[in-house]
Each structure stands twice: as C-alpha cells, then as structure tokens.
C-alpha cells in the first residue's frame, strides 16, 4: 500500500509539472499561429488544426512536459496495479494541486484563499481515502470485456475528436472531459492487462486492452493539447478531473473487485467525493479570465500582445490585472 501511494504521488508530481510546461508551449505556439494569421492554424470552426497542434508539440517546453507525462504514465500504471482505482486515480488527479502550487514559483501566479482552502480539502480527502482503502481487486476479467474496452476507447477518442473539431473554439470543456475519460480508460486498461504478472509477451500482445491503452492514451493526450490551445473556460479542467476519477473509480468497485477496509466504506465514499469536489474547486477558483482565441478585426493590438486578447488578464488570485503579453499566464490543466 505504501509503495503504491508513493508511486501515485510521484506520478501526480510528474503530471502536474508536465502540465505547466505543456500549457506554456501550447500557448506560445497558438500565439505564433495567431500572429501569422495563418489559415492553416485553425479549422473552419475556429479550433486548432492538426498542423497547429503538431507545432505546439515541438516546442521545447511541450517536449519536456511530454517526457514527464510518459514518466508519470509509467508510475501511474504501476500505481493502478498496486492500489484500488478509486484511490490511485484520485491521487493522480491531485496533480491539479501540484500544478497550482508550482504555478506560484514557475508562473508567478498568486493563489487566493479559496484556492488554498481547496488544496487543503483535497489533501484532507486523500488522507481519508488512504485510511479507508482496502486491497485492490484481482483485475481478472473475461477477454470479452477487454474487447469492449477497446471499442469504447475507439468510439470515445475517434468520435470525440470529430465532435471537438466541429465545435472548434467552443469545445474546451468537452475536450477536457473527453481527455479525462481517455486517461480513465487508460487506467482501467492497465489494471486488466494480461501478460504483465507473470510477464508473457504473446499474451500481452494478444490482449485488446493493450491497444485500448494506446488509443486512449494517445487520443487523450491529443485532446488535452487541443484543450490547452483553445484555452479552458470555467469547468473544463473540472470536467477532466471528473472523467479521470469518477468513471474508473466506479468501474474498479463494480467490475474489478476494489473495496475499502471493513467498516470504512462510508469514509472511502466521503473521501472520494470530497477529493473530486476539491479538485474541481482548485480548477474553478484558479480559472483566470481568458482572452479571445480568434483575432479581432478591430483596432490593432499592442506590440507583442496576442491578437484578439483583452488589454489585461486577471491573476489566478482574482486580484490585479496582469499584462496580456505575459506568456506564462495559463489555466490549471491536467497532467
């Protein structure tokens, strides 16, 4: 249990740090595309194109963040094998808290009392969960359910990507939710994957859950990048947290046999609900006023300012206006 918790915390730290770096890289790329007024930078609906998303992925900040994401993925996969999903996924989703704290140092963002209070709520809820968590389930499921997981991942990522591209700049919340569901499916896939313990390569390669992991992971990362480029609105990051924690947590209990300690079920439920609510609050209170994503046709912007951006942007603490040209002003994304 202790090793699993430490692994989940380490994964959360990697995701949280990576999110800050990816957000900075994505926003820099989006500003360059807007400054060039390139027709290939957005889709006809105002969302980021595949080309602009690819350009965001080759900024050094985004690449370092991606490396941290891969490390976090490996640690998170190990945590999903060692802990009940309702505990491992909730601890990993607490990367929002790590992102908020790191933003103070790396991005110069001040946290409000409401944000600090939300962080304290999440930490308290994680203590409750760790206290109540019992042994994880076996994870042994019929191979048919692995096929269903693969089909669900394909429909989720394929259909979701199409819908997000059609909605364009209005799809930040949906992209965040779909990304979270994708990462949640990844966690479930890791848990049920055959051929891991003991290691059996033919069994591993023949398991549909392996390909569900790849589809959900790569698709979730793409949708996450799109959400960062669009710029989250209130609830986008919160939707991601819900998708990443609630669905796999419920599946872990109902499908995989995860359980709490005898007599501690109510504490586990309370800790789970409070942890998700606290993470949502961190994202909600940390949401800065976002500039418009499309260039305006009116008066020219100031030199160095993002086309279409408002003259100023409120800090994460909701206090004084910060210059709109500050490249590091980002919302709190997922890892």
Foldseek 3Di string as FASTA:
>chain_A
DVLLLVLLLLLLLLWLQLQLLLLLLLLVLLLVCQVVVDPQQAAPLAFGHPVSLVNSCPDPSNVSSVVSNVSSLVSLLVSLQWFQQLLSLLSSQCSLVVNVVVCCVPVVFDAAPLLVVLNVLLVVLSVLQVQWWDGFFQLADDLVVQVVLQVVLCCLLVVLVVVCSNNHLVCLQVLLLSLLLLLQSLSSLSSNQPCVVVHDVVSRVPRSSNVSNVSSNVSSVSSLSRSSNSAHDQNSQLSSSCSNNVVSNVCRVPPRPTDTPVPSRVSNVVSSVSNSVSSSSNQRLQRKDFFHSHADPDDADDPQARGRGDQFIAGSNRDDTDGRNRSSRGGRHTD
